[in-house]
């Protein structure tokens, strides 16, 4: 599945919220369902909540948000605000960047039992913190993790993805475009991409990420409704085989 990230592009004032609504509606029309956000992302949670409500898409959405604070008390306040924004339930609640994860899991677990949270997860962007993420995974207290994964950021292949497969955990891939670095490497000749049934370089990168069977969702962010639709359509394409993955890696300059 191709999800939708809200980092940067949803942190907008009220007068500019028609843009995020158009992005969400385009992505959902093409098959996206998961939307990822966080208190760290400024106004993104509030904007997303209003967009989902006003567009009538909240019931079909999988909201993945996060707790981002060292204080359990403030964490509870963040959850209360999220429940207000998202109709009384959050499908995936993640401990953002492993901040105070032991303290937060202790009070979040009863929220899962109470039905206000669907599942718990943990995230980190820094590969040097993956050993601690692995520690969290081994506790059995989370059901999904979120890590960077793309042709130039592959540290997750060493320990995180194999362990997720072993434990049956979901994996959300952040930064499928390496924060734009890979988009700037778009090949001048799109012919090889067309032969793989890919309409764009962005689709190729997303297809590469999703063709790893251990990854369940990739979450690109965009302010363009057209790009949101095209990105989401990549989730409906056949998985790349080994040759296709190697082609994308070569075009990305990693081979």
Protein backbone atom coordinates (compact mmCIF):
# COMPACT_ATOMS: atom_id res chain seq x y z
CA UNK A 1 0.00 0.00 0.00
CA UNK A 2 1.07 3.55 -0.68
CA UNK A 3 0.18 5.83 2.21
CA UNK A 4 0.45 9.58 2.50
CA UNK A 5 2.89 11.53 4.64
CA UNK A 6 1.97 14.92 6.11
CA UNK A 7 5.44 16.16 7.13
CA UNK A 8 5.84 19.81 5.97
CA UNK A 9 3.03 19.82 3.39
CA UNK A 10 0.11 19.71 5.88
CA UNK A 11 1.56 22.29 8.28
CA UNK A 12 -0.46 25.12 6.73
CA UNK A 13 -2.81 27.85 7.89
CA UNK A 14 -6.58 27.67 7.54
CA UNK A 15 -6.64 29.70 4.34
CA UNK A 16 -4.41 27.13 2.61
CA UNK A 17 -6.11 23.91 3.71
CA UNK A 18 -7.83 23.32 0.37
CA UNK A 19 -4.44 22.09 -0.88
CA UNK A 20 -4.12 19.22 1.62
CA UNK A 21 -7.75 18.27 1.04
CA UNK A 22 -7.15 17.93 -2.70
CA UNK A 23 -4.04 15.84 -2.01
CA UNK A 24 -5.91 13.47 0.32
CA UNK A 25 -8.87 13.09 -2.02
CA UNK A 26 -6.61 12.35 -5.00
CA UNK A 27 -4.57 9.81 -3.06
CA UNK A 28 -7.64 8.03 -1.68
CA UNK A 29 -9.32 7.96 -5.09
CA UNK A 30 -6.28 6.01 -6.33
CA UNK A 31 -6.25 3.54 -3.45
CA UNK A 32 -4.35 5.11 -0.54
CA UNK A 33 -5.78 4.62 2.93
CA UNK A 34 -3.02 5.13 5.50
CA UNK A 35 -2.13 8.71 6.45
CA UNK A 36 0.90 9.35 8.66
CA UNK A 37 1.26 12.37 10.94
CA UNK A 38 2.67 13.48 14.32
CA UNK A 39 2.54 16.26 16.93
CA UNK A 40 6.08 17.01 15.71
CA UNK A 41 4.66 18.16 12.36
CA UNK A 42 3.21 21.47 13.51
CA UNK A 43 -0.42 21.89 12.44
CA UNK A 44 -0.45 18.71 10.37
CA UNK A 45 -2.53 16.60 12.77
CA UNK A 46 -5.23 19.25 13.05
CA UNK A 47 -5.27 19.90 9.31
CA UNK A 48 -5.48 16.19 8.56
CA UNK A 49 -8.31 15.71 11.04
CA UNK A 50 -10.36 18.50 9.45
CA UNK A 51 -9.63 17.28 5.92
CA UNK A 52 -10.72 13.71 6.69
CA UNK A 53 -13.91 14.89 8.36
CA UNK A 54 -14.92 17.42 5.70
CA UNK A 55 -14.14 15.09 2.81
CA UNK A 56 -16.08 12.20 4.37
CA UNK A 57 -13.00 9.96 4.31
CA UNK A 58 -12.42 9.38 8.01
CA UNK A 59 -14.20 6.02 8.10
CA UNK A 60 -12.04 4.60 5.32
CA UNK A 61 -8.77 6.11 6.58
CA UNK A 62 -6.06 4.39 8.59
CA UNK A 63 -4.65 7.15 10.77
CA UNK A 64 -1.09 6.57 11.91
CA UNK A 65 0.08 9.23 14.34
CA UNK A 66 2.59 9.42 17.19
CA UNK A 67 3.35 10.34 20.76
CA UNK A 68 6.29 12.75 20.81
CA UNK A 69 7.33 13.88 24.27
CA UNK A 70 9.35 12.65 27.24
CA UNK A 71 6.45 13.31 29.61
CA UNK A 72 3.73 10.65 30.03
CA UNK A 73 1.38 13.40 31.19
CA UNK A 74 1.94 15.41 28.04
CA UNK A 75 1.68 12.19 26.05
CA UNK A 76 -1.79 11.60 27.46
CA UNK A 77 -2.70 15.15 26.44
CA UNK A 78 -1.45 14.46 22.92
CA UNK A 79 -3.58 11.33 22.70
CA UNK A 80 -6.65 13.16 24.01
CA UNK A 81 -6.19 15.79 21.32
CA UNK A 82 -5.75 13.12 18.65
CA UNK A 83 -8.93 11.36 19.71
CA UNK A 84 -10.79 14.67 19.35
CA UNK A 85 -9.33 15.23 15.90
CA UNK A 86 -9.89 11.72 14.55
CA UNK A 87 -13.33 10.78 15.79
CA UNK A 88 -12.42 8.97 19.00
CA UNK A 89 -9.97 6.42 17.59
CA UNK A 90 -6.43 6.20 16.25
CA UNK A 91 -5.68 3.10 14.18
CA UNK A 92 -1.89 3.16 14.70
CA UNK A 93 -0.23 5.02 17.59
CA UNK A 94 3.56 5.09 17.39
CA UNK A 95 6.20 6.19 19.86
CA UNK A 96 8.01 8.80 17.81
CA UNK A 97 11.78 8.28 17.57
CA UNK A 98 11.67 5.97 20.60
CA UNK A 99 11.35 8.94 22.96
CA UNK A 100 10.60 7.54 26.45
CA UNK A 101 9.17 4.40 24.86
CA UNK A 102 9.05 2.34 28.07
CA UNK A 103 7.07 5.01 29.90
CA UNK A 104 4.68 5.57 27.01
CA UNK A 105 3.95 1.93 26.23
CA UNK A 106 2.94 1.43 29.86
CA UNK A 107 0.02 3.84 29.62
CA UNK A 108 -0.75 3.30 25.91
CA UNK A 109 -1.41 -0.43 26.27
CA UNK A 110 -4.64 0.11 28.28
CA UNK A 111 -5.80 2.47 25.53
CA UNK A 112 -5.50 -0.40 23.06
CA UNK A 113 -7.48 -2.62 25.40
CA UNK A 114 -10.12 0.11 25.63
CA UNK A 115 -10.46 0.25 21.85
CA UNK A 116 -9.28 3.84 21.43
CA UNK A 117 -6.08 2.70 19.71
CA UNK A 118 -5.91 -0.07 17.13
CA UNK A 119 -2.24 -1.00 17.49
CA UNK A 120 1.02 0.34 18.86
CA UNK A 121 4.23 0.96 16.95
CA UNK A 122 7.63 2.59 17.21
CA UNK A 123 9.66 4.70 14.81
CA UNK A 124 13.16 5.97 14.22
CA UNK A 125 14.89 7.64 11.32
CA UNK A 126 18.48 7.17 12.52
CA UNK A 127 20.12 3.83 11.76
CA UNK A 128 22.40 4.22 14.79
CA UNK A 129 19.24 3.78 16.92
CA UNK A 130 18.10 0.61 15.16
CA UNK A 131 19.59 -1.64 17.90
CA UNK A 132 17.22 0.02 20.37
CA UNK A 133 14.34 -0.32 17.92
CA UNK A 134 15.15 -4.02 17.68
CA UNK A 135 15.01 -4.16 21.48
CA UNK A 136 11.50 -2.68 21.40
CA UNK A 137 10.44 -5.14 18.71
CA UNK A 138 11.61 -8.07 20.79
CA UNK A 139 9.45 -7.01 23.75
CA UNK A 140 6.33 -8.08 21.86
CA UNK A 141 4.64 -4.81 22.84
CA UNK A 142 4.45 -3.24 19.37
CA UNK A 143 2.85 -4.54 16.21
CA UNK A 144 4.57 -2.31 13.66
CA UNK A 145 7.67 -0.21 13.11
CA UNK A 146 8.49 2.72 10.87
CA UNK A 147 11.96 3.19 9.38
CA UNK A 148 13.60 4.81 6.32
CA UNK A 149 13.89 2.46 3.36
CA UNK A 150 14.87 3.28 -0.21
CA UNK A 151 17.68 2.36 -2.63
CA UNK A 152 20.23 4.54 -0.81
CA UNK A 153 19.03 3.99 2.77
CA UNK A 154 19.08 0.25 3.33
CA UNK A 155 20.32 -0.20 6.89
CA UNK A 156 16.92 -1.66 7.84
CA UNK A 157 17.75 -4.72 5.74
CA UNK A 158 20.37 -5.81 8.23
CA UNK A 159 18.29 -6.41 11.36
CA UNK A 160 14.96 -4.57 11.38
CA UNK A 161 13.30 -6.14 8.33
CA UNK A 162 14.38 -9.73 9.06
CA UNK A 163 13.17 -9.44 12.65
CA UNK A 164 9.88 -7.86 11.58
CA UNK A 165 9.30 -10.80 9.26
CA UNK A 166 10.20 -13.28 12.01
CA UNK A 167 7.83 -11.64 14.51
CA UNK A 168 5.04 -10.89 12.06
CA UNK A 169 5.26 -7.11 12.53
CA UNK A 170 4.07 -4.54 10.04
CA UNK A 171 6.64 -2.23 8.46
CA UNK A 172 5.96 1.33 7.34
CA UNK A 173 8.69 2.73 5.09
CA UNK A 174 9.34 6.43 5.53
CA UNK A 175 11.49 8.55 3.20
CA UNK A 176 10.94 6.44 0.05
CA UNK A 177 12.48 9.32 -1.94
CA UNK A 178 15.32 9.89 0.56
CA UNK A 179 13.88 13.34 1.35
CA UNK A 180 14.02 14.28 -2.33
CA UNK A 181 17.60 13.20 -2.96
CA UNK A 182 16.48 10.29 -5.14
CA UNK A 183 14.00 12.38 -7.12
CA UNK A 184 16.92 14.51 -8.24
CA UNK A 185 18.47 11.37 -9.78
CA UNK A 186 15.61 10.78 -12.21
CA UNK A 187 16.93 9.06 -15.36
CA UNK A 188 16.97 11.12 -18.54
CA UNK A 189 15.69 8.16 -20.55
CA UNK A 190 12.34 6.91 -19.17
CA UNK A 191 12.26 3.97 -21.58
CA UNK A 192 13.44 1.32 -19.09
CA UNK A 193 10.78 2.48 -16.63
CA UNK A 194 8.01 2.22 -19.21
CA UNK A 195 9.10 -1.32 -19.98
CA UNK A 196 8.41 -2.15 -16.32
CA UNK A 197 4.96 -0.54 -16.52
CA UNK A 198 6.05 2.49 -14.48
CA UNK A 199 4.77 5.94 -15.36
CA UNK A 200 7.39 7.94 -13.45
CA UNK A 201 10.63 7.78 -11.52
CA UNK A 202 8.68 8.35 -8.30
CA UNK A 203 6.58 5.27 -9.09
CA UNK A 204 9.77 3.30 -9.71
CA UNK A 205 11.15 4.22 -6.30
CA UNK A 206 7.89 3.35 -4.56
CA UNK A 207 7.64 0.08 -6.46
CA UNK A 208 11.20 -0.74 -5.39
CA UNK A 209 10.32 -0.21 -1.73
CA UNK A 210 7.08 -2.19 -1.86
CA UNK A 211 8.64 -5.05 -3.81
CA UNK A 212 10.37 -6.06 -0.58
CA UNK A 213 7.67 -8.34 0.85
CA UNK A 214 8.62 -7.37 4.40
CA UNK A 215 7.43 -3.79 3.77
CA UNK A 216 3.70 -3.16 3.95
CA UNK A 217 3.32 0.60 3.42
CA UNK A 218 5.44 3.37 1.92
CA UNK A 219 4.55 6.96 2.84
CA UNK A 220 5.63 9.63 0.37
CA UNK A 221 4.65 13.23 1.03
CA UNK A 222 3.61 15.69 -1.66
CA UNK A 223 1.70 18.94 -2.03
CA UNK A 224 0.57 18.02 -5.56
CA UNK A 225 -2.76 16.20 -6.07
CA UNK A 226 -1.47 14.83 -9.37
CA UNK A 227 1.65 13.43 -7.73
CA UNK A 228 -0.43 12.05 -4.87
CA UNK A 229 -2.59 10.16 -7.35
CA UNK A 230 0.38 8.87 -9.33
CA UNK A 231 2.17 7.80 -6.14
CA UNK A 232 -0.89 5.95 -4.89
CA UNK A 233 -1.25 4.15 -8.22
CA UNK A 234 2.19 2.63 -7.67
CA UNK A 235 0.62 0.56 -4.91
CA UNK A 236 -1.58 -1.18 -7.48
CA UNK A 237 1.30 -2.24 -9.75
CA UNK A 238 2.82 -5.74 -9.78
CA UNK A 239 5.82 -6.11 -7.50
CA UNK A 240 9.20 -5.68 -9.14
CA UNK A 241 11.19 -8.87 -9.56
CA UNK A 242 14.89 -9.06 -8.79
CA UNK A 243 15.86 -7.75 -12.21
CA UNK A 244 13.48 -4.80 -11.85
CA UNK A 245 14.85 -3.94 -8.42
CA UNK A 246 18.41 -4.05 -9.75
CA UNK A 247 17.43 -1.78 -12.63
CA UNK A 248 16.01 0.83 -10.25
CA UNK A 249 19.07 0.56 -8.03
CA UNK A 250 21.30 1.11 -11.05
CA UNK A 251 19.35 4.14 -12.18
CA UNK A 252 19.57 5.48 -8.61
CA UNK A 253 23.33 5.14 -8.77
CA UNK A 254 23.68 2.44 -6.15
CA UNK A 255 25.09 -0.21 -8.48
